[in-house]
Amino acid sequence: MWGKFGMEIKLSLQTVTPLFLGGSNPKGEPELRAPSFRGVMRFWLRALLGGILGDNPQEIFKHESAVFGSTEHASPVIVRVQHQSLQFTTYSQLTANKPGL
């Protein structure tokens, strides 16, 4: 779909394993933030490019920079996170009756 600034892709994601989240306020609600998703996407892009391009860090960096930007130019990719309903579970709830965790 083409949005206001170019191609727009909307994803609806659901986690299947627990996320360990925090926030700027340790006693406040955990935050699910766009920079965290950018970091994950950047990591997996590097992994994929490494598998395709092999041991060629300059070429990997060139392609990574084209997608996620660099100190030379901004990224054309914008990541936004819209919270639907986050269900929070404490660590003690996760480990209850599950020895070994």
N, C-alpha and C. Protein backbone atom coordinates (compact mmCIF):
# COMPACT_ATOMS: atom_id res chain seq x y z
N MET A 1 0.85 -1.16 0.00
CA MET A 1 0.00 0.00 0.00
C MET A 1 0.90 1.24 0.00
N TRP A 2 0.53 2.22 -0.72
CA TRP A 2 1.29 3.47 -0.76
C TRP A 2 0.67 4.46 0.21
N GLY A 3 1.50 4.96 1.11
CA GLY A 3 1.04 5.93 2.09
C GLY A 3 1.43 7.33 1.68
N LYS A 4 1.35 8.24 2.61
CA LYS A 4 1.64 9.66 2.34
C LYS A 4 3.07 9.87 1.86
N PHE A 5 4.01 9.10 2.40
CA PHE A 5 5.42 9.32 2.09
C PHE A 5 6.04 8.22 1.22
N GLY A 6 5.25 7.30 0.72
CA GLY A 6 5.78 6.22 -0.09
C GLY A 6 5.11 4.91 0.28
N MET A 7 5.82 3.83 0.07
CA MET A 7 5.24 2.52 0.35
C MET A 7 5.01 2.35 1.85
N GLU A 8 3.87 1.80 2.19
CA GLU A 8 3.52 1.59 3.59
C GLU A 8 3.13 0.13 3.78
N ILE A 9 3.73 -0.49 4.77
CA ILE A 9 3.42 -1.88 5.09
C ILE A 9 2.98 -1.91 6.55
N LYS A 10 1.79 -2.42 6.79
CA LYS A 10 1.28 -2.55 8.15
C LYS A 10 1.28 -4.02 8.53
N LEU A 11 1.81 -4.30 9.71
CA LEU A 11 1.87 -5.67 10.21
C LEU A 11 1.13 -5.75 11.53
N SER A 12 0.45 -6.83 11.73
CA SER A 12 -0.16 -7.13 13.02
C SER A 12 0.61 -8.31 13.58
N LEU A 13 1.30 -8.11 14.69
CA LEU A 13 2.18 -9.13 15.24
C LEU A 13 1.68 -9.58 16.60
N GLN A 14 1.95 -10.84 16.91
CA GLN A 14 1.61 -11.39 18.21
C GLN A 14 2.82 -12.17 18.70
N THR A 15 3.18 -11.97 19.95
CA THR A 15 4.31 -12.72 20.49
C THR A 15 3.84 -14.10 20.92
N VAL A 16 4.72 -15.07 20.78
CA VAL A 16 4.40 -16.43 21.21
C VAL A 16 5.26 -16.85 22.40
N THR A 17 6.22 -16.03 22.75
CA THR A 17 7.05 -16.26 23.93
C THR A 17 7.05 -14.97 24.74
N PRO A 18 7.38 -15.07 26.03
CA PRO A 18 7.37 -13.85 26.85
C PRO A 18 8.40 -12.83 26.37
N LEU A 19 8.06 -11.56 26.48
CA LEU A 19 8.98 -10.46 26.22
C LEU A 19 9.41 -9.90 27.57
N PHE A 20 10.69 -9.67 27.73
CA PHE A 20 11.18 -9.05 28.95
C PHE A 20 11.34 -7.57 28.66
N LEU A 21 10.42 -6.78 29.17
CA LEU A 21 10.37 -5.35 28.86
C LEU A 21 10.65 -4.53 30.10
N GLY A 22 11.12 -3.34 29.88
CA GLY A 22 11.31 -2.36 30.94
C GLY A 22 10.91 -1.01 30.42
N GLY A 23 11.21 -0.01 31.19
CA GLY A 23 10.88 1.34 30.76
C GLY A 23 11.75 2.34 31.48
N SER A 24 11.55 3.61 31.19
CA SER A 24 12.34 4.64 31.84
C SER A 24 12.01 4.73 33.33
N ASN A 25 10.80 4.36 33.70
CA ASN A 25 10.39 4.34 35.10
C ASN A 25 10.32 2.88 35.54
N PRO A 26 11.27 2.43 36.38
CA PRO A 26 11.30 1.02 36.78
C PRO A 26 10.02 0.54 37.46
N LYS A 27 9.30 1.45 38.10
CA LYS A 27 8.07 1.06 38.78
C LYS A 27 6.83 1.27 37.91
N GLY A 28 7.01 1.85 36.74
CA GLY A 28 5.90 2.09 35.83
C GLY A 28 5.64 0.89 34.94
N GLU A 29 4.74 1.06 34.01
CA GLU A 29 4.42 -0.02 33.08
C GLU A 29 5.56 -0.22 32.08
N PRO A 30 5.82 -1.47 31.72
CA PRO A 30 6.84 -1.74 30.69
C PRO A 30 6.44 -1.11 29.37
N GLU A 31 7.45 -0.77 28.58
CA GLU A 31 7.22 -0.11 27.29
C GLU A 31 7.63 -1.02 26.14
N LEU A 32 6.80 -1.09 25.15
CA LEU A 32 7.14 -1.77 23.90
C LEU A 32 7.40 -0.66 22.90
N ARG A 33 8.68 -0.47 22.51
CA ARG A 33 9.07 0.72 21.76
C ARG A 33 9.55 0.38 20.35
N ALA A 34 9.34 1.31 19.45
CA ALA A 34 9.75 1.15 18.05
C ALA A 34 11.26 0.94 17.91
N PRO A 35 12.13 1.65 18.66
CA PRO A 35 13.57 1.41 18.50
C PRO A 35 13.98 -0.04 18.79
N SER A 36 13.26 -0.70 19.67
CA SER A 36 13.55 -2.11 19.94
C SER A 36 13.27 -2.96 18.71
N PHE A 37 12.15 -2.69 18.04
CA PHE A 37 11.83 -3.42 16.81
C PHE A 37 12.83 -3.10 15.71
N ARG A 38 13.24 -1.85 15.61
CA ARG A 38 14.26 -1.48 14.61
C ARG A 38 15.54 -2.27 14.85
N GLY A 39 15.92 -2.37 16.11
CA GLY A 39 17.14 -3.12 16.45
C GLY A 39 17.05 -4.58 16.05
N VAL A 40 15.90 -5.19 16.30
CA VAL A 40 15.70 -6.59 15.92
C VAL A 40 15.73 -6.75 14.40
N MET A 41 15.06 -5.85 13.70
CA MET A 41 15.04 -5.93 12.23
C MET A 41 16.44 -5.71 11.66
N ARG A 42 17.18 -4.80 12.26
CA ARG A 42 18.55 -4.53 11.79
C ARG A 42 19.43 -5.76 12.02
N PHE A 43 19.28 -6.40 13.18
CA PHE A 43 20.04 -7.61 13.50
C PHE A 43 19.78 -8.70 12.45
N TRP A 44 18.49 -8.95 12.16
CA TRP A 44 18.15 -10.02 11.22
C TRP A 44 18.53 -9.66 9.79
N LEU A 45 18.51 -8.39 9.44
CA LEU A 45 18.98 -8.00 8.11
C LEU A 45 20.47 -8.30 7.98
N ARG A 46 21.24 -7.98 9.02
CA ARG A 46 22.68 -8.29 9.00
C ARG A 46 22.90 -9.79 8.87
N ALA A 47 22.12 -10.58 9.61
CA ALA A 47 22.27 -12.03 9.55
C ALA A 47 21.96 -12.55 8.14
N LEU A 48 20.87 -12.06 7.55
CA LEU A 48 20.51 -12.48 6.19
C LEU A 48 21.56 -12.04 5.17
N LEU A 49 22.01 -10.80 5.29
CA LEU A 49 23.02 -10.30 4.35
C LEU A 49 24.32 -11.07 4.50
N GLY A 50 24.68 -11.42 5.73
CA GLY A 50 25.89 -12.21 5.94
C GLY A 50 25.80 -13.56 5.27
N GLY A 51 24.61 -14.16 5.30
CA GLY A 51 24.41 -15.44 4.64
C GLY A 51 24.47 -15.33 3.12
N ILE A 52 24.06 -14.19 2.60
CA ILE A 52 24.05 -13.98 1.15
C ILE A 52 25.40 -13.48 0.65
N LEU A 53 25.96 -12.49 1.34
CA LEU A 53 27.18 -11.83 0.87
C LEU A 53 28.46 -12.43 1.44
N GLY A 54 28.33 -13.27 2.45
CA GLY A 54 29.51 -13.87 3.06
C GLY A 54 30.27 -12.87 3.92
N ASP A 55 31.56 -13.12 4.07
CA ASP A 55 32.41 -12.30 4.94
C ASP A 55 32.87 -11.06 4.19
N ASN A 56 31.95 -10.12 4.01
CA ASN A 56 32.25 -8.88 3.30
C ASN A 56 31.59 -7.73 4.06
N PRO A 57 32.20 -7.30 5.17
CA PRO A 57 31.56 -6.30 6.03
C PRO A 57 31.24 -4.98 5.33
N GLN A 58 32.06 -4.56 4.38
CA GLN A 58 31.79 -3.30 3.69
C GLN A 58 30.51 -3.39 2.86
N GLU A 59 30.32 -4.52 2.19
CA GLU A 59 29.12 -4.70 1.37
C GLU A 59 27.88 -4.84 2.25
N ILE A 60 28.01 -5.57 3.35
CA ILE A 60 26.90 -5.70 4.30
C ILE A 60 26.51 -4.33 4.83
N PHE A 61 27.50 -3.53 5.23
CA PHE A 61 27.23 -2.19 5.76
C PHE A 61 26.54 -1.31 4.71
N LYS A 62 26.97 -1.43 3.46
CA LYS A 62 26.37 -0.63 2.39
C LYS A 62 24.87 -0.91 2.27
N HIS A 63 24.51 -2.19 2.26
CA HIS A 63 23.09 -2.56 2.14
C HIS A 63 22.31 -2.23 3.41
N GLU A 64 22.92 -2.47 4.56
CA GLU A 64 22.27 -2.15 5.84
C GLU A 64 22.00 -0.65 5.92
N SER A 65 22.97 0.16 5.52
CA SER A 65 22.81 1.62 5.55
C SER A 65 21.72 2.10 4.60
N ALA A 66 21.56 1.42 3.48
CA ALA A 66 20.51 1.80 2.53
C ALA A 66 19.13 1.62 3.14
N VAL A 67 18.99 0.64 4.02
CA VAL A 67 17.69 0.37 4.65
C VAL A 67 17.52 1.15 5.94
N PHE A 68 18.52 1.10 6.83
CA PHE A 68 18.37 1.66 8.17
C PHE A 68 19.13 2.96 8.40
N GLY A 69 19.78 3.47 7.36
CA GLY A 69 20.48 4.74 7.49
C GLY A 69 21.87 4.57 8.10
N SER A 70 22.59 5.67 8.14
CA SER A 70 23.94 5.70 8.70
C SER A 70 24.22 7.12 9.18
N THR A 71 25.46 7.39 9.53
CA THR A 71 25.81 8.75 9.93
C THR A 71 25.80 9.69 8.73
N GLU A 72 25.81 9.12 7.53
CA GLU A 72 25.82 9.93 6.31
C GLU A 72 24.42 10.33 5.84
N HIS A 73 23.43 9.47 6.06
CA HIS A 73 22.06 9.77 5.60
C HIS A 73 21.04 9.06 6.48
N ALA A 74 19.85 9.63 6.51
CA ALA A 74 18.77 9.09 7.33
C ALA A 74 18.18 7.83 6.70
N SER A 75 17.50 7.07 7.51
CA SER A 75 16.84 5.86 7.04
C SER A 75 15.53 6.20 6.34
N PRO A 76 15.23 5.51 5.24
CA PRO A 76 13.93 5.70 4.61
C PRO A 76 12.83 4.90 5.33
N VAL A 77 13.23 4.07 6.30
CA VAL A 77 12.28 3.21 7.01
C VAL A 77 11.83 3.88 8.30
N ILE A 78 10.52 3.93 8.49
CA ILE A 78 9.93 4.45 9.73
C ILE A 78 9.19 3.31 10.40
N VAL A 79 9.49 3.09 11.67
CA VAL A 79 8.82 2.03 12.43
C VAL A 79 7.96 2.69 13.49
N ARG A 80 6.69 2.31 13.52
CA ARG A 80 5.77 2.81 14.54
C ARG A 80 5.15 1.61 15.25
N VAL A 81 4.95 1.74 16.55
CA VAL A 81 4.31 0.70 17.33
C VAL A 81 3.03 1.27 17.91
N GLN A 82 1.93 0.65 17.58
CA GLN A 82 0.64 1.04 18.16
C GLN A 82 0.21 -0.08 19.09
N HIS A 83 0.03 0.27 20.34
CA HIS A 83 -0.34 -0.73 21.34
C HIS A 83 -1.81 -1.06 21.25
N GLN A 84 -2.10 -2.31 21.14
CA GLN A 84 -3.49 -2.75 21.20
C GLN A 84 -3.79 -3.07 22.66
N SER A 85 -3.55 -4.28 23.05
CA SER A 85 -3.74 -4.65 24.45
C SER A 85 -2.57 -5.52 24.87
N LEU A 86 -1.77 -5.00 25.76
CA LEU A 86 -0.64 -5.75 26.27
C LEU A 86 -1.05 -6.44 27.55
N GLN A 87 -0.76 -7.72 27.64
CA GLN A 87 -1.04 -8.46 28.86
C GLN A 87 0.27 -8.61 29.61
N PHE A 88 0.30 -8.11 30.84
CA PHE A 88 1.52 -8.14 31.62
C PHE A 88 1.51 -9.31 32.59
N THR A 89 2.64 -9.96 32.69
CA THR A 89 2.83 -11.07 33.61
C THR A 89 4.12 -10.81 34.37
N THR A 90 4.12 -11.08 35.65
CA THR A 90 5.34 -10.89 36.43
C THR A 90 6.23 -12.12 36.30
N TYR A 91 7.48 -11.95 36.64
CA TYR A 91 8.43 -13.06 36.57
C TYR A 91 7.99 -14.20 37.48
N SER A 92 7.48 -13.86 38.67
CA SER A 92 7.04 -14.91 39.60
C SER A 92 5.87 -15.70 39.02
N GLN A 93 5.02 -15.06 38.24
CA GLN A 93 3.92 -15.78 37.60
C GLN A 93 4.45 -16.73 36.52
N LEU A 94 5.50 -16.34 35.85
CA LEU A 94 6.08 -17.20 34.81
C LEU A 94 6.76 -18.43 35.40
N THR A 95 7.39 -18.26 36.57
CA THR A 95 8.17 -19.35 37.14
C THR A 95 7.38 -20.20 38.13
N ALA A 96 6.16 -19.83 38.45
CA ALA A 96 5.35 -20.61 39.39
C ALA A 96 5.12 -22.01 38.83
N ASN A 97 5.41 -23.00 39.66
CA ASN A 97 5.20 -24.41 39.31
C ASN A 97 6.00 -24.85 38.08
N LYS A 98 7.07 -24.15 37.78
CA LYS A 98 7.92 -24.53 36.64
C LYS A 98 9.37 -24.54 37.10
N PRO A 99 9.77 -25.56 37.86
CA PRO A 99 11.16 -25.60 38.31
C PRO A 99 12.09 -25.68 37.10
N GLY A 100 13.21 -25.05 37.23
CA GLY A 100 14.17 -25.04 36.13
C GLY A 100 14.18 -23.74 35.36
N LEU A 101 13.20 -22.88 35.61
CA LEU A 101 13.20 -21.57 34.97
C LEU A 101 13.91 -20.58 35.84
